[in-house]
Structures are given as structure tokens and as C-alpha cells.
Amino acid sequence: MAAKDLEALQTAARDAYLFTLPLVEIATTRARGLANGSPMNVFGHMRRLADHNARAVTTPNNDTFYSTAQVDLSQGPVTINVPATGARYFSLALMDAYTNNFAILGTRTTGPDGGTFTLVGPTDAAEGPNVVRSPTNHVWALARILVDGPHDVEGAKAVQHGLSMQGPAATPPGPFAHRGAPWAEYFETASQLMALNPPRVEDRAFLAGMAPLGLADFDAARFSSEEAAAIEAGVAEARVAARKGGLSSAGFTQGWSYPSARLGDFAQDYGLRASVAVSGLAALPPAEAMYMRAEGDLNGALFDGTKAWRLHFPADGHLPVNSFWSLSLYEATPDGQFFFTDNPLARYAIGDRTQGLVTNPDGSLDIWMGHADPGGERSANWLPAPAGPFALFMRAYLPKTELLEGGYRLPPVVPA
């Protein structure tokens, strides 16, 4: 094969991996749930807040209960019943097979009174109350239910009890390879998943560039050793790219990255979509929640828990939100994912609902981070870190206009 053809094949493999990575990540998430006994078209409920043992999905939060359902619409519509939630923050994100949030039910959109909704596939007739159409037959439904402290656990569980789904029985597809599988297995899986969930019309131009790979009817056996090496090189390139960017795609201010306006509904930004699938799978769009990430200080030093760090909020400088904010600390894994770290306080986040925080005499607030307890009054505001690299994620739920449009920006994290 000519050098230019090998180069085209390598590029096709790179682009195909990035395009299909969200498909494979959702399939992997679905497989984990099925292995734990969660059937399709039924909500499963996490009735405790995520902690350091939560390793199924990267960057879990410690503020909400999760309720989740993997939905198959190929046999017909399903009905979703959402209970009244009152003043409690609630969102039910409906994601297509490519991780786009095509609808969100809850506090911001449908209000606090709940309701019945009919979820239909891309070609089904639109019948039933409050029809919501999915672009793909596979849907991931993920609810976040605010838990306002230990006293509120039963109230949050009551919301979960009222959340239900009815629909035809579904047989899950599979088994599938994961994102780290050898390229032949990976693309075989990707091809099957794309057949079950065809891409949108808007994707066709990008998909045309993948023609040398033959992804639609993928057959690894047809490639020579020289061609296989080009494909492997393209996949390696894509894996590096997918570990970069992610939620931090709209530039940095004072060490914090800010989300792209396309986060959670990616359109044709396939690189961003792939990166988020690795580092922030199931991220909400900015109107629902903004995710800011910091991995190092203003001097370029990466956060290391063996050192002490401080985040200082002026008295009038707390995040402008209509719901709540929360700062989570995660240990970083070699493959670019983030999980809570075990610590003596069992504290994984600090936010505007954290009990016992100590403010300074002028009303300002300091949050202290590090592996060692800072001691004294600082202990009340200590967010424990691993004895190694870590990252900070700030979540702002229902952000106000000044945060959405850039009028407010977080203060820097500095050495203590």
C-alpha cells in the first residue's frame, strides 16, 4: 500500500476510534450494570452517596443520589413517571447512545411537580403523554437527586421510590469489547453498536473520511500487517487525544478550566465528546451544571497531596448559583480517570451545604487541601487528598447568568 494510503488509513482509524468511543463507554457502563443484576428498562437506585469505593463511572459526585436505567426502545416506547420533588434539586438526563443529552427532565426544565413522559425511539409514532423522542434506540437515563445532608437521606429515597419506568422487556446486546481492547476487537464492537444506533445525518460527512477502515461492515482479517500497523498507530494517537481536553475545553482562568458551551450536547465536536467520555462520562450541559477543573497551581505545579493547598473565597465571592455548588477532590488514575480517595474524615467534597465550616472574621472562606490534616481551626475546612496527584472539580448546579457568561470566575488554588 502506498504511503499516502497508509496515512489515510491511520487517520481513519484515529477518527473512528474517537467517534465511537462514547458508544463503547456507554456499552461498558451498561454491561457493568447488567453484571450487577440491573435489567434493561428498569430504574436501579444508588441509595447512598458515592465514596472512594465508587469506581463504575469516572468523576462521581458526593452530593446526589443516582438513579439509572439503560433503555432499549427498539421494541417500542417506554413510560417514565417522575414524582413531585418540591424545592429539592432533581434532574433526569436522557442521553443517546453517543452521550448527547437530548432531554433533561427536572427542576430547571419541567418544574417541581413531576409528571408522566413517553420516551419514543427515532422512528416510532409519537403517542402518549409528554412525548420525548430519542435520536437512538439505546438511551441512558440518569437521575441526580440532591441529598441535603444525613438528615435528608430518607427524603431523597422517597423521590427514588416515586421514579419508575414501564416498557417492553428488552434483551441487552453484547458482549462487547472495552475501550482498551486490541483494535480489531474494539472496532468489531464499534461496528455492531453503530448498526444498532445509526449516527445522525449531520455525522455523514465526518464518517465519509473513515471509508478506508470499512467500519460499517468491519472485517479485521482483510488488512495486511502493514495496514494493521497503521490502524494501531491511529488508535494509539486517538487514545492520547481522548485523555486530553475533556471538560477543560473552553480555556483556563486562574488555573481553572471552564466547560465548552457544547458540553453534554456535542453536535459535531467529536474530539470533545470522546474526551468527556473518558474523563467526565454523562456530564450535564452548562445550563444545568457547570464543571470547572483544576489540576495545578498558577505556576504550573501539579497538585500533589504531599503539599498543602488553599482555595480562598472572598466574603462576596461565592459561586452564583440557583441551586448549589460543591468542590470535589479526586485522585487521578494513569488512564485519565478520576475517583474519590479514601480518607479518615470520609469527606470527598466541600460545598455551600457542608456543616461545620469555619469562616474568617471578614466572612471569607478558606478551603485547605492536602494529605496531612492542617490542624487547628483549619481542620474544619480540610478536604483530604491522596499522597500523590489529585484534581479538583467544582460543580455549580443551575448556574446564574454571570457564571454562565463569564462575569464570575473562581479564585486560584495556591500553595498554603
Protein backbone atom coordinates (compact mmCIF):
# COMPACT_ATOMS: atom_id res chain seq x y z
CA MET A 1 0.00 0.00 0.00
CA ALA A 2 1.25 3.47 -0.88
CA ALA A 3 2.43 5.72 1.92
CA LYS A 4 -0.43 8.19 1.37
CA ASP A 5 -2.95 5.35 1.62
CA LEU A 6 -1.41 4.12 4.86
CA GLU A 7 -1.59 7.67 6.20
CA ALA A 8 -5.27 7.87 5.21
CA LEU A 9 -5.93 4.56 6.95
CA GLN A 10 -4.18 5.75 10.12
CA THR A 11 -6.25 8.94 10.11
CA ALA A 12 -9.44 6.95 9.53
CA ALA A 13 -8.62 4.69 12.48
CA ARG A 14 -7.90 7.68 14.71
CA ASP A 15 -11.14 9.41 13.79
CA ALA A 16 -13.21 6.24 14.01
CA TYR A 17 -11.91 5.50 17.50
CA LEU A 18 -12.74 9.00 18.72
CA PHE A 19 -16.16 8.95 17.06
CA THR A 20 -17.19 5.60 18.55
CA LEU A 21 -15.56 5.89 21.98
CA PRO A 22 -18.75 7.22 23.66
CA LEU A 23 -20.73 4.31 22.18
CA VAL A 24 -18.29 1.85 23.68
CA GLU A 25 -18.13 3.63 27.04
CA ILE A 26 -21.91 3.54 27.44
CA ALA A 27 -21.95 -0.13 26.41
CA THR A 28 -19.29 -0.82 29.05
CA THR A 29 -21.35 1.03 31.67
CA ARG A 30 -24.42 -0.95 30.66
CA ALA A 31 -22.51 -4.23 30.91
CA ARG A 32 -21.37 -3.40 34.44
CA GLY A 33 -24.95 -2.73 35.48
CA LEU A 34 -26.21 -5.96 33.93
CA ALA A 35 -23.47 -7.90 35.68
CA ASN A 36 -24.77 -6.46 38.95
CA GLY A 37 -28.31 -7.64 38.19
CA SER A 38 -29.80 -4.43 36.75
CA PRO A 39 -32.25 -5.29 33.91
CA MET A 40 -32.95 -3.08 30.91
CA ASN A 41 -35.87 -0.62 31.01
CA VAL A 42 -35.94 -0.55 34.81
CA PHE A 43 -34.51 2.07 37.16
CA GLY A 44 -31.81 0.96 39.55
CA HIS A 45 -31.19 3.17 42.55
CA MET A 46 -27.98 4.07 44.35
CA ARG A 47 -29.25 4.72 47.85
CA ARG A 48 -26.01 6.00 49.31
CA LEU A 49 -23.73 8.81 48.32
CA ALA A 50 -20.72 7.89 46.19
CA ASP A 51 -17.45 7.42 48.09
CA HIS A 52 -13.96 6.06 47.37
CA ASN A 53 -15.44 2.64 46.54
CA ALA A 54 -17.48 4.05 43.64
CA ARG A 55 -15.44 3.09 40.56
CA ALA A 56 -18.05 2.30 37.90
CA VAL A 57 -18.15 5.78 36.32
CA THR A 58 -15.43 8.41 36.43
CA THR A 59 -15.88 11.64 38.47
CA PRO A 60 -18.88 10.62 40.60
CA ASN A 61 -20.39 13.30 42.80
CA ASN A 62 -20.92 13.16 46.57
CA ASP A 63 -23.98 15.42 46.59
CA THR A 64 -26.75 13.46 44.93
CA PHE A 65 -28.19 10.00 44.86
CA TYR A 66 -28.12 8.46 41.40
CA SER A 67 -30.94 6.52 39.78
CA THR A 68 -30.10 4.98 36.44
CA ALA A 69 -31.72 2.95 33.67
CA GLN A 70 -30.35 1.56 30.44
CA VAL A 71 -33.22 1.82 27.98
CA ASP A 72 -33.92 -0.12 24.78
CA LEU A 73 -36.57 1.48 22.56
CA SER A 74 -36.25 -0.99 19.69
CA GLN A 75 -39.33 -2.89 20.91
CA GLY A 76 -41.43 0.21 21.49
CA PRO A 77 -41.83 3.27 23.73
CA VAL A 78 -41.34 3.35 27.49
CA THR A 79 -43.20 5.45 30.04
CA ILE A 80 -41.32 7.40 32.71
CA ASN A 81 -43.05 8.56 35.88
CA VAL A 82 -41.32 11.43 37.69
CA PRO A 83 -42.53 12.28 41.21
CA ALA A 84 -43.02 15.74 42.64
CA THR A 85 -39.70 16.95 44.06
CA GLY A 86 -40.63 20.30 45.61
CA ALA A 87 -37.66 22.52 46.40
CA ARG A 88 -35.17 19.63 46.07
CA TYR A 89 -32.79 19.74 43.09
CA PHE A 90 -33.64 16.95 40.65
CA SER A 91 -32.62 16.19 37.10
CA LEU A 92 -33.21 13.20 34.87
CA ALA A 93 -30.78 13.34 31.96
CA LEU A 94 -31.71 11.37 28.86
CA MET A 95 -28.62 10.59 26.80
CA ASP A 96 -28.49 8.99 23.38
CA ALA A 97 -26.05 6.22 22.56
CA TYR A 98 -23.39 8.83 21.72
CA THR A 99 -23.70 10.56 25.16
CA ASN A 100 -25.60 13.63 23.92
CA ASN A 101 -28.19 14.90 26.43
CA PHE A 102 -31.20 15.17 24.12
CA ALA A 103 -33.56 15.99 27.00
CA ILE A 104 -33.39 16.76 30.71
CA LEU A 105 -36.45 16.45 32.93
CA GLY A 106 -36.47 18.11 36.33
CA THR A 107 -36.14 21.28 38.36
CA ARG A 108 -34.90 23.60 35.61
CA THR A 109 -36.97 22.34 32.69
CA THR A 110 -40.21 20.60 33.67
CA GLY A 111 -40.53 22.02 37.19
CA PRO A 112 -41.05 20.57 40.67
CA ASP A 113 -44.41 18.88 40.14
CA GLY A 114 -43.24 15.77 38.28
CA GLY A 115 -45.30 14.10 35.57
CA THR A 116 -45.56 11.23 33.11
CA PHE A 117 -43.41 11.20 29.99
CA THR A 118 -43.37 8.91 26.95
CA LEU A 119 -39.92 8.11 25.57
CA VAL A 120 -40.01 7.02 21.93
CA GLY A 121 -37.36 5.82 19.51
CA PRO A 122 -36.20 7.62 16.38
CA THR A 123 -38.83 6.05 14.09
CA ASP A 124 -41.73 5.32 16.48
CA ALA A 125 -45.08 7.05 16.26
CA ALA A 126 -45.32 9.89 18.78
CA GLU A 127 -48.12 8.67 21.03
CA GLY A 128 -48.63 9.09 24.77
CA PRO A 129 -48.33 11.88 27.33
CA ASN A 130 -45.45 14.36 27.05
CA VAL A 131 -43.61 12.63 24.21
CA VAL A 132 -39.81 12.83 24.22
CA ARG A 133 -38.09 11.48 21.11
CA SER A 134 -34.66 9.88 21.27
CA PRO A 135 -32.26 10.04 18.30
CA THR A 136 -31.15 6.44 19.04
CA ASN A 137 -32.81 3.26 20.26
CA HIS A 138 -30.42 2.98 23.16
CA VAL A 139 -30.84 5.60 25.89
CA TRP A 140 -29.09 6.09 29.20
CA ALA A 141 -31.42 7.68 31.75
CA LEU A 142 -29.50 9.13 34.70
CA ALA A 143 -31.21 10.93 37.58
CA ARG A 144 -29.46 13.10 40.15
CA ILE A 145 -31.37 13.69 43.39
CA LEU A 146 -29.93 16.17 45.89
CA VAL A 147 -29.25 14.86 49.40
CA ASP A 148 -29.10 17.86 51.71
CA GLY A 149 -27.11 16.16 54.49
CA PRO A 150 -27.58 13.00 56.60
CA HIS A 151 -30.97 14.19 57.86
CA ASP A 152 -32.26 14.26 54.28
CA VAL A 153 -31.45 10.71 53.19
CA GLU A 154 -34.97 9.37 53.66
CA GLY A 155 -36.46 12.30 51.76
CA ALA A 156 -34.16 11.63 48.81
CA LYS A 157 -35.03 7.93 48.92
CA ALA A 158 -38.72 8.84 48.75
CA VAL A 159 -38.07 10.60 45.44
CA GLN A 160 -36.33 7.47 44.16
CA HIS A 161 -39.32 5.36 45.19
CA GLY A 162 -41.55 7.58 43.06
CA LEU A 163 -39.34 7.37 39.96
CA SER A 164 -40.37 4.49 37.71
CA MET A 165 -40.29 3.20 34.15
CA GLN A 166 -42.61 0.85 32.26
CA GLY A 167 -41.98 -0.62 28.84
CA PRO A 168 -41.46 -3.79 26.81
CA ALA A 169 -38.97 -6.35 28.03
CA ALA A 170 -35.60 -5.88 26.39
CA THR A 171 -32.68 -8.19 25.72
CA PRO A 172 -29.38 -6.34 26.04
CA PRO A 173 -26.87 -6.67 23.22
CA GLY A 174 -23.39 -7.90 23.90
CA PRO A 175 -20.84 -8.92 24.96
CA PHE A 176 -18.69 -6.02 23.85
CA ALA A 177 -15.04 -5.05 23.99
CA HIS A 178 -13.94 -2.11 26.14
CA ARG A 179 -12.02 1.00 25.05
CA GLY A 180 -8.64 -0.54 25.92
CA ALA A 181 -9.19 -3.69 23.84
CA PRO A 182 -6.99 -4.56 20.85
CA TRP A 183 -8.03 -2.57 17.80
CA ALA A 184 -9.63 -5.49 15.96
CA GLU A 185 -11.92 -6.30 18.89
CA TYR A 186 -12.63 -2.64 19.55
CA PHE A 187 -13.73 -1.83 16.00
CA GLU A 188 -15.79 -5.03 15.77
CA THR A 189 -17.69 -3.82 18.83
CA ALA A 190 -17.97 -0.27 17.47
CA SER A 191 -19.36 -1.56 14.18
CA GLN A 192 -22.05 -3.58 15.97
CA LEU A 193 -23.03 -0.67 18.19
CA MET A 194 -23.29 1.72 15.23
CA ALA A 195 -25.58 -0.74 13.44
CA LEU A 196 -27.87 -0.76 16.48
CA ASN A 197 -27.68 3.03 16.86
CA PRO A 198 -27.11 4.68 13.47
CA PRO A 199 -25.37 8.06 13.58
CA ARG A 200 -27.20 11.27 12.72
CA VAL A 201 -27.42 12.69 9.22
CA GLU A 202 -25.16 15.52 10.35
CA ASP A 203 -22.37 13.00 11.00
CA ARG A 204 -22.19 11.64 7.47
CA ALA A 205 -19.51 14.00 6.20
CA PHE A 206 -17.18 13.04 9.04
CA LEU A 207 -17.97 9.35 8.62
CA ALA A 208 -17.07 9.52 4.95
CA GLY A 209 -13.46 10.10 5.96
CA MET A 210 -13.43 6.72 7.70
CA ALA A 211 -14.07 4.82 4.46
CA PRO A 212 -10.58 3.24 4.37
CA LEU A 213 -11.37 1.43 7.63
CA GLY A 214 -14.68 -0.01 6.43
CA LEU A 215 -16.29 0.49 9.81
CA ALA A 216 -19.86 -0.20 8.64
CA ASP A 217 -19.02 -3.83 7.83
CA PHE A 218 -15.73 -4.11 9.69
CA ASP A 219 -13.51 -7.11 8.95
CA ALA A 220 -10.09 -7.09 10.59
CA ALA A 221 -8.94 -10.09 8.55
CA ARG A 222 -8.80 -8.09 5.32
CA PHE A 223 -5.92 -5.89 6.49
CA SER A 224 -2.27 -6.71 5.83
CA SER A 225 0.31 -6.49 8.59
CA GLU A 226 1.42 -3.13 7.18
CA GLU A 227 -2.16 -1.85 7.25
CA ALA A 228 -2.72 -3.26 10.73
CA ALA A 229 0.28 -1.29 11.96
CA ALA A 230 -1.22 1.91 10.52
CA ILE A 231 -4.54 1.21 12.24
CA GLU A 232 -2.81 0.51 15.53
CA ALA A 233 -0.89 3.79 15.23
CA GLY A 234 -4.13 5.68 14.59
CA VAL A 235 -5.79 4.12 17.63
CA ALA A 236 -2.78 4.95 19.80
CA GLU A 237 -2.97 8.56 18.62
CA ALA A 238 -6.69 8.68 19.43
CA ARG A 239 -6.20 7.27 22.92
CA VAL A 240 -3.72 10.01 23.74
CA ALA A 241 -6.11 12.65 22.37
CA ALA A 242 -9.03 11.26 24.37
CA ARG A 243 -7.10 11.68 27.62
CA LYS A 244 -6.66 15.37 26.92
CA GLY A 245 -9.20 18.15 26.95
CA GLY A 246 -12.47 16.70 28.15
CA LEU A 247 -14.30 19.06 30.47
CA SER A 248 -11.48 21.61 30.14
CA SER A 249 -12.22 22.77 26.62
CA ALA A 250 -13.03 26.48 26.87
CA GLY A 251 -9.73 27.84 28.16
CA PHE A 252 -8.23 28.48 31.59
CA THR A 253 -8.69 31.33 34.03
CA GLN A 254 -6.62 31.45 37.24
CA GLY A 255 -5.81 27.76 36.92
CA TRP A 256 -9.41 26.64 36.37
CA SER A 257 -10.73 25.22 33.13
CA TYR A 258 -14.26 26.08 32.07
CA PRO A 259 -16.66 23.92 30.08
CA SER A 260 -17.38 24.31 26.42
CA ALA A 261 -20.85 25.54 25.52
CA ARG A 262 -21.17 22.24 23.64
CA LEU A 263 -20.59 20.07 26.70
CA GLY A 264 -23.31 17.46 27.09
CA ASP A 265 -24.78 18.11 23.63
CA PHE A 266 -21.72 17.89 21.45
CA ALA A 267 -23.04 18.34 17.90
CA GLN A 268 -20.03 17.60 15.64
CA ASP A 269 -17.31 18.18 18.23
CA TYR A 270 -16.25 14.54 18.25
CA GLY A 271 -12.93 15.15 19.99
CA LEU A 272 -14.61 16.87 22.93
CA ARG A 273 -17.24 14.14 23.08
CA ALA A 274 -14.58 11.42 23.23
CA SER A 275 -12.53 13.21 25.89
CA VAL A 276 -15.58 13.71 28.09
CA ALA A 277 -16.47 10.03 27.72
CA VAL A 278 -13.13 9.24 29.39
CA SER A 279 -12.84 11.99 32.00
CA GLY A 280 -16.44 13.02 32.70
CA LEU A 281 -18.88 10.48 31.27
CA ALA A 282 -22.52 11.66 31.45
CA ALA A 283 -21.64 15.31 32.01
CA LEU A 284 -24.59 17.68 32.03
CA PRO A 285 -24.78 20.72 29.72
CA PRO A 286 -23.71 24.05 31.25
CA ALA A 287 -27.25 25.39 31.68
CA GLU A 288 -27.89 22.51 34.09
CA ALA A 289 -24.49 22.31 35.75
CA MET A 290 -21.08 23.83 35.15
CA TYR A 291 -17.96 21.76 35.79
CA MET A 292 -14.70 23.59 36.43
CA ARG A 293 -11.48 21.62 36.83
CA ALA A 294 -8.06 22.48 38.27
CA GLU A 295 -5.06 20.16 38.21
CA GLY A 296 -2.26 22.55 39.16
CA ASP A 297 -1.46 26.00 40.52
CA LEU A 298 -0.75 29.24 38.67
CA ASN A 299 2.96 28.39 38.44
CA GLY A 300 2.28 25.16 36.60
CA ALA A 301 2.95 22.84 39.56
CA LEU A 302 0.62 19.84 39.52
CA PHE A 303 -1.42 19.30 42.66
CA ASP A 304 0.32 16.81 44.94
CA GLY A 305 -1.23 15.79 48.23
CA THR A 306 2.12 15.68 49.99
CA LYS A 307 1.95 19.51 49.89
CA ALA A 308 -0.70 21.83 51.33
CA TRP A 309 -3.03 23.92 49.17
CA ARG A 310 -5.59 26.67 49.75
CA LEU A 311 -8.67 27.98 47.93
CA HIS A 312 -9.82 31.37 49.26
CA PHE A 313 -13.31 32.77 48.63
CA PRO A 314 -13.84 36.44 49.49
CA ALA A 315 -16.93 37.17 51.56
CA ASP A 316 -18.76 38.34 48.47
CA GLY A 317 -17.14 35.86 46.10
CA HIS A 318 -19.05 32.60 46.47
CA LEU A 319 -20.37 30.94 43.34
CA PRO A 320 -23.54 32.47 41.85
CA VAL A 321 -25.94 29.52 41.54
CA ASN A 322 -29.67 28.92 41.75
CA SER A 323 -29.22 25.52 43.37
CA PHE A 324 -25.88 24.57 44.99
CA TRP A 325 -22.12 24.34 44.49
CA SER A 326 -19.71 21.62 45.52
CA LEU A 327 -15.91 21.20 45.32
CA SER A 328 -14.84 17.56 44.86
CA LEU A 329 -11.29 16.22 45.18
CA TYR A 330 -10.26 13.16 43.14
CA GLU A 331 -7.18 11.03 42.84
CA ALA A 332 -6.03 10.80 39.23
CA THR A 333 -5.56 7.40 37.56
CA PRO A 334 -2.91 6.73 34.88
CA ASP A 335 -5.58 6.36 32.17
CA GLY A 336 -7.03 9.81 32.77
CA GLN A 337 -9.95 8.99 35.05
CA PHE A 338 -10.81 10.45 38.45
CA PHE A 339 -12.18 8.82 41.60
CA PHE A 340 -12.61 9.77 45.25
CA THR A 341 -9.75 8.92 47.59
CA ASP A 342 -10.04 7.09 50.92
CA ASN A 343 -9.51 9.42 53.88
CA PRO A 344 -10.01 9.50 57.68
CA LEU A 345 -12.89 12.01 57.52
CA ALA A 346 -14.81 10.16 54.81
CA ARG A 347 -15.06 13.62 53.25
CA TYR A 348 -14.99 13.81 49.47
CA ALA A 349 -16.40 17.27 48.80
CA ILE A 350 -16.98 20.65 50.43
CA GLY A 351 -19.77 22.98 49.37
CA ASP A 352 -22.37 25.52 50.38
CA ARG A 353 -24.28 22.83 52.33
CA THR A 354 -21.30 21.43 54.29
CA GLN A 355 -21.94 21.61 58.02
CA GLY A 356 -19.32 22.95 60.43
CA LEU A 357 -17.23 25.06 58.07
CA VAL A 358 -15.38 27.93 59.76
CA THR A 359 -15.42 31.32 58.05
CA ASN A 360 -12.84 34.03 58.65
CA PRO A 361 -13.75 37.16 60.70
CA ASP A 362 -14.35 39.11 57.49
CA GLY A 363 -16.78 36.47 56.18
CA SER A 364 -14.37 34.95 53.68
CA LEU A 365 -13.86 31.19 53.41
CA ASP A 366 -10.68 29.13 53.09
CA ILE A 367 -10.68 25.50 51.96
CA TRP A 368 -7.49 23.58 52.79
CA MET A 369 -6.33 20.60 50.75
CA GLY A 370 -3.56 18.09 51.36
CA HIS A 371 -2.88 14.58 52.61
CA ALA A 372 -1.98 15.78 56.12
CA ASP A 373 -4.52 17.32 58.48
CA PRO A 374 -3.72 21.09 58.55
CA GLY A 375 -4.57 21.20 62.27
CA GLY A 376 -6.37 23.73 64.45
CA GLU A 377 -9.36 25.58 63.04
CA ARG A 378 -8.21 24.67 59.54
CA SER A 379 -9.23 21.05 60.16
CA ALA A 380 -12.89 22.05 59.92
CA ASN A 381 -12.32 23.16 56.33
CA TRP A 382 -9.96 20.35 55.33
CA LEU A 383 -10.61 18.47 52.09
CA PRO A 384 -8.30 15.43 52.31
CA ALA A 385 -6.11 14.48 49.35
CA PRO A 386 -4.14 11.36 48.44
CA ALA A 387 -0.38 11.29 49.00
CA GLY A 388 0.11 11.90 45.30
CA PRO A 389 -1.50 13.60 42.29
CA PHE A 390 -5.05 14.88 42.54
CA ALA A 391 -7.50 17.10 40.70
CA LEU A 392 -10.29 19.41 41.82
CA PHE A 393 -13.71 19.61 40.21
CA MET A 394 -16.09 22.42 41.08
CA ARG A 395 -19.74 21.74 40.28
CA ALA A 396 -22.21 24.60 40.08
CA TYR A 397 -25.79 23.41 39.68
CA LEU A 398 -28.20 25.74 37.90
CA PRO A 399 -25.55 28.44 37.42
CA LYS A 400 -26.64 32.06 37.21
CA THR A 401 -26.02 34.17 34.13
CA GLU A 402 -22.85 35.79 35.49
CA LEU A 403 -21.20 32.38 35.83
CA LEU A 404 -22.53 31.06 32.53
CA GLU A 405 -21.38 34.11 30.61
CA GLY A 406 -18.02 34.59 32.31
CA GLY A 407 -18.70 37.53 34.59
CA TYR A 408 -17.72 35.40 37.60
CA ARG A 409 -14.56 33.31 37.74
CA LEU A 410 -13.18 31.14 40.53
CA PRO A 411 -10.19 32.28 42.60
CA PRO A 412 -6.93 30.36 42.13
CA VAL A 413 -5.74 27.40 44.19
CA VAL A 414 -2.39 28.34 45.73
CA PRO A 415 0.25 26.65 47.92
CA ALA A 416 -0.68 27.05 51.58
